[in-house]
Amino acid sequence: MSKIKTHVRKGDTVEVISGNHKGSTGTVLQVFPEKSQVLIEGVRMIKKHARRSQDRPDGGIIEREGPIHISNVKLLGKAEA
């Protein structure tokens, strides 16, 4: 298996350069190289309905980040090693 090379890594600061969230910046939380997508902190917040469980006895609606295609982000700053 070969690794898929990406221009961003976890912890990098990026800016969204196209799409509905154009102009917003944030830190990369997670990279999905197989799908060519990234999760950026505070960008593309989606609402997800959660079932009742032991962790969430009331269930409810959770807000979390949604994935953005990796070609729509520009690297602003590298993560500290």
Protein backbone atom coordinates (compact mmCIF):
# COMPACT_ATOMS: atom_id res chain seq x y z
CA MET A 1 0.00 0.00 0.00
CA SER A 2 1.26 3.46 -0.86
CA LYS A 3 0.54 6.55 1.21
CA ILE A 4 -1.44 9.40 -0.32
CA LYS A 5 0.50 12.67 -0.05
CA THR A 6 -1.34 15.75 1.19
CA HIS A 7 -0.26 19.37 1.56
CA VAL A 8 -1.73 19.75 5.07
CA ARG A 9 -1.29 17.82 8.32
CA LYS A 10 -3.04 17.68 11.68
CA GLY A 11 -2.35 20.88 13.63
CA ASP A 12 -1.66 23.12 10.59
CA THR A 13 -3.42 26.46 10.25
CA VAL A 14 -5.41 26.67 7.02
CA GLU A 15 -7.78 29.01 5.17
CA VAL A 16 -10.77 27.89 3.12
CA ILE A 17 -10.34 29.31 -0.40
CA SER A 18 -13.58 28.19 -2.08
CA GLY A 19 -17.09 27.01 -1.29
CA ASN A 20 -19.68 28.21 1.22
CA HIS A 21 -17.09 28.69 3.98
CA LYS A 22 -14.64 30.73 1.88
CA GLY A 23 -12.42 33.05 3.93
CA SER A 24 -12.71 31.20 7.24
CA THR A 25 -9.56 29.97 8.97
CA GLY A 26 -8.88 27.31 11.55
CA THR A 27 -6.68 24.47 12.72
CA VAL A 28 -6.79 21.05 11.05
CA LEU A 29 -8.26 18.51 13.48
CA GLN A 30 -8.09 15.43 11.26
CA VAL A 31 -7.03 14.49 7.71
CA PHE A 32 -8.69 11.74 5.65
CA PRO A 33 -6.23 11.13 2.77
CA GLU A 34 -8.28 8.27 1.25
CA LYS A 35 -11.28 10.57 0.80
CA SER A 36 -9.17 13.75 0.22
CA GLN A 37 -11.00 15.53 3.05
CA VAL A 38 -10.06 17.47 6.19
CA LEU A 39 -11.83 18.55 9.39
CA ILE A 40 -11.13 22.16 10.38
CA GLU A 41 -11.83 23.52 13.85
CA GLY A 42 -14.94 25.76 13.87
CA VAL A 43 -15.59 25.50 10.10
CA ARG A 44 -18.62 23.80 8.49
CA MET A 45 -20.45 23.10 11.72
CA ILE A 46 -23.17 20.48 11.17
CA LYS A 47 -25.92 19.31 13.49
CA LYS A 48 -26.12 15.61 14.25
CA HIS A 49 -29.00 13.96 16.06
CA ALA A 50 -27.82 11.68 18.88
CA ARG A 51 -29.73 8.78 20.33
CA ARG A 52 -30.15 8.25 24.02
CA SER A 53 -27.24 6.33 25.46
CA GLN A 54 -25.41 5.82 28.71
CA ASP A 55 -23.18 8.82 27.90
CA ARG A 56 -26.13 11.01 26.81
CA PRO A 57 -29.24 9.98 28.77
CA ASP A 58 -31.35 12.71 27.11
CA GLY A 59 -30.01 12.31 23.56
CA GLY A 60 -30.24 15.59 21.68
CA ILE A 61 -28.61 17.51 18.87
CA ILE A 62 -24.80 17.75 18.70
CA GLU A 63 -22.89 20.36 16.71
CA ARG A 64 -19.65 19.14 15.18
CA GLU A 65 -17.30 19.92 12.32
CA GLY A 66 -18.02 18.49 8.89
CA PRO A 67 -15.41 17.49 6.30
CA ILE A 68 -14.17 19.84 3.55
CA HIS A 69 -12.39 18.72 0.39
CA ILE A 70 -8.62 19.13 0.72
CA SER A 71 -8.38 21.10 -2.55
CA ASN A 72 -10.50 23.87 -1.01
CA VAL A 73 -7.97 24.73 1.73
CA LYS A 74 -4.74 26.74 1.62
CA LEU A 75 -1.91 26.23 4.11
CA LEU A 76 -1.17 29.32 6.25
CA GLY A 77 1.08 27.94 8.97
CA LYS A 78 2.83 24.65 9.71
CA ALA A 79 2.28 22.73 12.94
CA GLU A 80 5.09 22.71 15.47
CA ALA A 81 6.93 19.39 15.38
